[in-house]
Structures are given as structure tokens and as C-alpha cells.
PDB file of N, CA and C in Angstrom:
ATOM      1  N   MET A   1     -12.632  -1.916  13.472  1.00  0.00           N
ATOM      2  CA  MET A   1     -11.317  -1.174  12.548  1.00  0.00           C
ATOM      3  C   MET A   1     -10.024  -3.236  12.599  1.00  0.00           C
ATOM      4  N   PRO A   2      -9.714  -2.765  11.528  1.00  0.00           N
ATOM      5  CA  PRO A   2      -8.819  -3.969  11.020  1.00  0.00           C
ATOM      6  C   PRO A   2      -7.668  -4.186  11.904  1.00  0.00           C
ATOM      7  N   ASP A   3      -7.273  -5.342  12.406  1.00  0.00           N
ATOM      8  CA  ASP A   3      -6.171  -5.663  12.941  1.00  0.00           C
ATOM      9  C   ASP A   3      -4.866  -5.548  12.532  1.00  0.00           C
ATOM     10  N   SER A   4      -4.513  -5.280  11.066  1.00  0.00           N
ATOM     11  CA  SER A   4      -3.390  -5.333  10.545  1.00  0.00           C
ATOM     12  C   SER A   4      -3.670  -4.550   8.943  1.00  0.00           C
ATOM     13  N   TYR A   5      -2.131  -3.840   8.444  1.00  0.00           N
ATOM     14  CA  TYR A   5      -2.654  -2.965   7.176  1.00  0.00           C
ATOM     15  C   TYR A   5      -1.451  -3.433   6.094  1.00  0.00           C
ATOM     16  N   ILE A   6      -1.400  -3.766   5.162  1.00  0.00           N
ATOM     17  CA  ILE A   6      -0.114  -3.663   4.122  1.00  0.00           C
ATOM     18  C   ILE A   6       0.419  -2.411   3.747  1.00  0.00           C
ATOM     19  N   ILE A   7       1.145  -1.746   4.007  1.00  0.00           N
ATOM     20  CA  ILE A   7       2.213  -0.885   3.717  1.00  0.00           C
ATOM     21  C   ILE A   7       2.708  -0.611   2.568  1.00  0.00           C
ATOM     22  N   GLU A   8       2.396   0.465   1.854  1.00  0.00           N
ATOM     23  CA  GLU A   8       3.061  -0.008   0.370  1.00  0.00           C
ATOM     24  C   GLU A   8       3.835   1.455   0.119  1.00  0.00           C
ATOM     25  N   VAL A   9       4.985   2.112  -0.873  1.00  0.00           N
ATOM     26  CA  VAL A   9       5.144   2.506  -0.948  1.00  0.00           C
ATOM     27  C   VAL A   9       5.811   2.766  -2.418  1.00  0.00           C
ATOM     28  N   ASN A  10       5.619   3.896  -3.420  1.00  0.00           N
ATOM     29  CA  ASN A  10       5.327   3.673  -4.663  1.00  0.00           C
ATOM     30  C   ASN A  10       5.509   2.423  -5.755  1.00  0.00           C
ATOM     31  N   SER A  11       4.242   1.915  -5.356  1.00  0.00           N
ATOM     32  CA  SER A  11       3.760   0.359  -5.249  1.00  0.00           C
ATOM     33  C   SER A  11       4.758  -0.562  -5.424  1.00  0.00           C
ATOM     34  N   GLU A  12       5.524  -0.495  -4.003  1.00  0.00           N
ATOM     35  CA  GLU A  12       5.958  -1.749  -3.341  1.00  0.00           C
ATOM     36  C   GLU A  12       5.920  -1.739  -2.280  1.00  0.00           C
ATOM     37  N   THR A  13       5.687  -3.293  -1.812  1.00  0.00           N
ATOM     38  CA  THR A  13       5.477  -3.620  -0.282  1.00  0.00           C
ATOM     39  C   THR A  13       6.382  -3.405   0.872  1.00  0.00           C
ATOM     40  N   ALA A  14       6.243  -2.069   1.509  1.00  0.00           N
ATOM     41  CA  ALA A  14       7.031  -1.922   2.632  1.00  0.00           C
ATOM     42  C   ALA A  14       7.238  -3.243   3.527  1.00  0.00           C
ATOM     43  N   GLY A  15       6.001  -3.314   4.250  1.00  0.00           N
ATOM     44  CA  GLY A  15       5.710  -4.191   5.229  1.00  0.00           C
ATOM     45  C   GLY A  15       4.351  -4.408   5.751  1.00  0.00           C
ATOM     46  N   ILE A  16       3.946  -4.781   7.174  1.00  0.00           N
ATOM     47  CA  ILE A  16       2.619  -5.028   7.352  1.00  0.00           C
ATOM     48  C   ILE A  16       2.496  -3.994   8.384  1.00  0.00           C
ATOM     49  N   VAL A  17       1.904  -3.708   9.225  1.00  0.00           N
ATOM     50  CA  VAL A  17       1.432  -3.088  10.787  1.00  0.00           C
ATOM     51  C   VAL A  17       0.341  -3.755  11.281  1.00  0.00           C
ATOM     52  N   VAL A  18       0.482  -4.470  12.636  1.00  0.00           N
ATOM     53  CA  VAL A  18      -0.190  -5.250  12.794  1.00  0.00           C
ATOM     54  C   VAL A  18      -0.743  -4.610  14.564  1.00  0.00           C
ATOM     55  N   ARG A  19      -1.821  -4.363  14.755  1.00  0.00           N
ATOM     56  CA  ARG A  19      -2.504  -3.782  16.436  1.00  0.00           C
ATOM     57  C   ARG A  19      -1.942  -4.895  17.471  1.00  0.00           C
ATOM     58  N   SER A  20      -1.329  -3.795  18.368  1.00  0.00           N
ATOM     59  CA  SER A  20      -0.651  -4.361  19.382  1.00  0.00           C
ATOM     60  C   SER A  20      -1.155  -3.645  20.504  1.00  0.00           C
ATOM     61  N   GLN A  21      -0.548  -3.708  21.426  1.00  0.00           N
ATOM     62  CA  GLN A  21      -1.219  -3.075  22.523  1.00  0.00           C
ATOM     63  C   GLN A  21      -0.153  -1.655  22.268  1.00  0.00           C
ATOM     64  N   GLY A  22      -1.146  -0.576  22.414  1.00  0.00           N
ATOM     65  CA  GLY A  22      -0.108   0.719  22.030  1.00  0.00           C
ATOM     66  C   GLY A  22      -0.121   0.712  21.187  1.00  0.00           C
ATOM     67  N   GLY A  23      -0.153   0.067  19.891  1.00  0.00           N
ATOM     68  CA  GLY A  23      -0.747   0.983  18.583  1.00  0.00           C
ATOM     69  C   GLY A  23      -0.458  -0.060  17.512  1.00  0.00           C
ATOM     70  N   TYR A  24       0.569  -0.105  16.824  1.00  0.00           N
ATOM     71  CA  TYR A  24       0.226  -0.895  15.108  1.00  0.00           C
ATOM     72  C   TYR A  24       1.955  -0.856  15.599  1.00  0.00           C
ATOM     73  N   CYS A  25       2.520  -2.381  15.119  1.00  0.00           N
ATOM     74  CA  CYS A  25       3.952  -2.976  15.171  1.00  0.00           C
ATOM     75  C   CYS A  25       4.086  -2.914  13.801  1.00  0.00           C
ATOM     76  N   PHE A  26       5.147  -2.029  13.238  1.00  0.00           N
ATOM     77  CA  PHE A  26       5.712  -2.599  11.665  1.00  0.00           C
ATOM     78  C   PHE A  26       6.893  -3.864  11.558  1.00  0.00           C
ATOM     79  N   PHE A  27       6.230  -4.711  10.549  1.00  0.00           N
ATOM     80  CA  PHE A  27       7.280  -5.750   9.765  1.00  0.00           C
ATOM     81  C   PHE A  27       7.477  -5.517   8.746  1.00  0.00           C
ATOM     82  N   ALA A  28       8.974  -5.326   8.583  1.00  0.00           N
ATOM     83  CA  ALA A  28       9.411  -4.908   7.283  1.00  0.00           C
ATOM     84  C   ALA A  28       9.384  -6.118   6.492  1.00  0.00           C
ATOM     85  N   SER A  29       8.913  -6.026   4.807  1.00  0.00           N
ATOM     86  CA  SER A  29       8.683  -7.098   4.122  1.00  0.00           C
ATOM     87  C   SER A  29      10.043  -7.093   3.209  1.00  0.00           C
ATOM     88  N   SER A  30      11.316  -6.213   3.512  1.00  0.00           N
ATOM     89  CA  SER A  30      12.215  -6.170   2.532  1.00  0.00           C
ATOM     90  C   SER A  30      13.545  -5.309   3.267  1.00  0.00           C
ATOM     91  N   HIS A  31      14.621  -5.380   3.097  1.00  0.00           N
ATOM     92  CA  HIS A  31      15.705  -4.836   3.667  1.00  0.00           C
ATOM     93  C   HIS A  31      15.729  -3.478   3.559  1.00  0.00           C
ATOM     94  N   GLN A  32      15.010  -2.584   2.303  1.00  0.00           N
ATOM     95  CA  GLN A  32      14.712  -1.196   2.591  1.00  0.00           C
ATOM     96  C   GLN A  32      14.199  -0.347   3.700  1.00  0.00           C
ATOM     97  N   PHE A  33      13.667  -1.068   4.863  1.00  0.00           N
ATOM     98  CA  PHE A  33      12.493  -0.949   5.180  1.00  0.00           C
ATOM     99  C   PHE A  33      13.282  -1.439   6.744  1.00  0.00           C
ATOM    100  N   ASN A  34      14.206  -2.272   6.589  1.00  0.00           N
ATOM    101  CA  ASN A  34      14.411  -2.927   8.313  1.00  0.00           C
ATOM    102  C   ASN A  34      14.369  -1.890   9.240  1.00  0.00           C
ATOM    103  N   ARG A  35      14.839  -0.439   9.249  1.00  0.00           N
ATOM    104  CA  ARG A  35      14.908   0.455   9.977  1.00  0.00           C
ATOM    105  C   ARG A  35      13.468   0.756  10.374  1.00  0.00           C
ATOM    106  N   LEU A  36      12.397   0.285   9.966  1.00  0.00           N
ATOM    107  CA  LEU A  36      10.859   0.314  10.813  1.00  0.00           C
ATOM    108  C   LEU A  36      10.664  -0.648  11.528  1.00  0.00           C
ATOM    109  N   GLU A  37      11.354  -1.940  11.277  1.00  0.00           N
ATOM    110  CA  GLU A  37      11.344  -2.928  11.902  1.00  0.00           C
ATOM    111  C   GLU A  37      10.616  -2.947  13.512  1.00  0.00           C
ATOM    112  N   GLY A  38       9.575  -3.203  14.140  1.00  0.00           N
ATOM    113  CA  GLY A  38       9.649  -3.687  15.317  1.00  0.00           C
ATOM    114  C   GLY A  38       8.677  -2.015  15.572  1.00  0.00           C
ATOM    115  N   GLN A  39       9.557  -0.879  15.019  1.00  0.00           N
ATOM    116  CA  GLN A  39       8.498   0.441  15.797  1.00  0.00           C
ATOM    117  C   GLN A  39       6.990  -0.037  16.058  1.00  0.00           C
ATOM    118  N   LEU A  40       6.663   1.085  17.062  1.00  0.00           N
ATOM    119  CA  LEU A  40       5.057   1.303  17.077  1.00  0.00           C
ATOM    120  C   LEU A  40       4.784   2.512  16.713  1.00  0.00           C
ATOM    121  N   PHE A  41       3.722   2.438  15.787  1.00  0.00           N
ATOM    122  CA  PHE A  41       2.963   3.691  15.335  1.00  0.00           C
ATOM    123  C   PHE A  41       1.732   3.940  15.668  1.00  0.00           C
ATOM    124  N   ARG A  42       0.917   4.920  15.684  1.00  0.00           N
ATOM    125  CA  ARG A  42      -0.269   5.228  16.294  1.00  0.00           C
ATOM    126  C   ARG A  42      -1.369   4.457  15.959  1.00  0.00           C
ATOM    127  N   ASN A  43      -0.806   4.468  14.189  1.00  0.00           N
ATOM    128  CA  ASN A  43      -1.813   3.977  13.307  1.00  0.00           C
ATOM    129  C   ASN A  43      -1.354   3.766  11.685  1.00  0.00           C
ATOM    130  N   ALA A  44      -2.051   3.009  11.172  1.00  0.00           N
ATOM    131  CA  ALA A  44      -1.116   2.440   9.752  1.00  0.00           C
ATOM    132  C   ALA A  44      -0.914   4.201   9.094  1.00  0.00           C
ATOM    133  N   ARG A  45      -1.438   4.698   8.822  1.00  0.00           N
ATOM    134  CA  ARG A  45      -1.403   6.580   7.940  1.00  0.00           C
ATOM    135  C   ARG A  45      -0.042   6.626   8.378  1.00  0.00           C
ATOM    136  N   GLU A  46       0.492   6.644   9.653  1.00  0.00           N
ATOM    137  CA  GLU A  46       1.830   7.078  10.465  1.00  0.00           C
ATOM    138  C   GLU A  46       2.761   6.399   9.549  1.00  0.00           C
ATOM    139  N   ALA A  47       2.492   5.090   9.966  1.00  0.00           N
ATOM    140  CA  ALA A  47       3.866   4.014   9.339  1.00  0.00           C
ATOM    141  C   ALA A  47       4.094   4.345   8.107  1.00  0.00           C
ATOM    142  N   GLU A  48       2.708   4.368   7.581  1.00  0.00           N
ATOM    143  CA  GLU A  48       3.180   4.838   5.804  1.00  0.00           C
ATOM    144  C   GLU A  48       4.005   5.866   5.597  1.00  0.00           C
ATOM    145  N   ARG A  49       3.524   7.094   6.652  1.00  0.00           N
ATOM    146  CA  ARG A  49       4.528   8.361   5.954  1.00  0.00           C
ATOM    147  C   ARG A  49       6.121   7.763   6.878  1.00  0.00           C
ATOM    148  N   ALA A  50       6.371   7.020   7.724  1.00  0.00           N
ATOM    149  CA  ALA A  50       7.274   6.812   8.045  1.00  0.00           C
ATOM    150  C   ALA A  50       8.048   6.163   6.809  1.00  0.00           C
ATOM    151  N   ALA A  51       7.671   5.248   6.197  1.00  0.00           N
ATOM    152  CA  ALA A  51       7.933   4.481   4.937  1.00  0.00           C
ATOM    153  C   ALA A  51       8.311   4.858   3.787  1.00  0.00           C
ATOM    154  N   ARG A  52       7.323   6.050   3.218  1.00  0.00           N
ATOM    155  CA  ARG A  52       7.623   6.758   2.960  1.00  0.00           C
ATOM    156  C   ARG A  52       8.820   8.067   2.966  1.00  0.00           C
ATOM    157  N   LYS A  53       9.021   8.720   4.124  1.00  0.00           N
ATOM    158  CA  LYS A  53      10.134   9.542   4.381  1.00  0.00           C
ATOM    159  C   LYS A  53      11.834   8.498   4.247  1.00  0.00           C
ATOM    160  N   LEU A  54      11.749   7.012   4.577  1.00  0.00           N
ATOM    161  CA  LEU A  54      12.468   6.476   4.726  1.00  0.00           C
ATOM    162  C   LEU A  54      12.794   6.570   3.029  1.00  0.00           C
ATOM    163  N   VAL A  55      12.519   6.574   2.177  1.00  0.00           N
ATOM    164  CA  VAL A  55      12.388   5.909   0.745  1.00  0.00           C
ATOM    165  C   VAL A  55      12.817   7.097   0.028  1.00  0.00           C
ATOM    166  N   ASN A  56      12.301   8.559   0.822  1.00  0.00           N
ATOM    167  CA  ASN A  56      12.775   9.526   0.062  1.00  0.00           C
ATOM    168  C   ASN A  56      14.167  10.032   0.456  1.00  0.00           C
ATOM    169  N   GLY A  57      14.213   9.470   1.523  1.00  0.00           N
ATOM    170  CA  GLY A  57      15.479  10.219   2.000  1.00  0.00           C
ATOM    171  C   GLY A  57      15.505  11.311   3.266  1.00  0.00           C
ATOM    172  N   GLU A  58      14.324  11.544   3.510  1.00  0.00           N
ATOM    173  CA  GLU A  58      13.928  13.079   4.077  1.00  0.00           C
ATOM    174  C   GLU A  58      13.850  12.380   5.688  1.00  0.00           C
ATOM    175  N   VAL A  59      14.367  11.774   6.251  1.00  0.00           N
ATOM    176  CA  VAL A  59      15.101  11.047   7.572  1.00  0.00           C
ATOM    177  C   VAL A  59      16.009  10.286   7.725  1.00  0.00           C
ATOM    178  N   LYS A  60      17.138  11.092   8.826  1.00  0.00           N
ATOM    179  CA  LYS A  60      17.868  10.491   9.233  1.00  0.00           C
ATOM    180  C   LYS A  60      17.682   9.031   9.985  1.00  0.00           C
ATOM    181  N   GLU A  61      16.470   9.052  11.277  1.00  0.00           N
ATOM    182  CA  GLU A  61      16.223   7.924  12.244  1.00  0.00           C
ATOM    183  C   GLU A  61      14.873   8.352  11.786  1.00  0.00           C
ATOM    184  N   ALA A  62      14.489   7.110  11.689  1.00  0.00           N
ATOM    185  CA  ALA A  62      13.002   7.065  10.973  1.00  0.00           C
ATOM    186  C   ALA A  62      12.155   7.191  12.440  1.00  0.00           C
ATOM    187  N   ALA A  63      10.631   7.816  11.883  1.00  0.00           N
ATOM    188  CA  ALA A  63      10.076   7.651  13.140  1.00  0.00           C
ATOM    189  C   ALA A  63      10.307   8.036  14.580  1.00  0.00           C
TER     190      ALA A  63
END
């Protein structure tokens, strides 16, 4: 299982997630995704969903 994944939303790099103790930690690659910075996710797919929701304005607080 890989230790890191690139997260993309609408062909834009949102950031990367890196496996750490307890899950995958998000590191934003643009200001648009700063609200996810440092959050822990169970897996890369969960982080991608959170980034997508953030872009689509579906959440007030991410994850």
C-alpha cells in the first residue's frame, strides 16, 4: 500500500496525503485547500471527497 497519494479535483492538484500513525495527513498545494491542511483521513478516497466537497461549496467545515 503506498505511503502517499496526490489528490486532484477537477484536474487541479488539491494536495497530497501522506500515511502517518492513525491515517493519512493532508498537505494542501494551493490556498483553496488550506482548510484541509493537517487533517487526518482514514484513506486517500476520504480526503479526495473532502476536497471535492470544499470546491463544490457543499460543506462549511471540511471533514
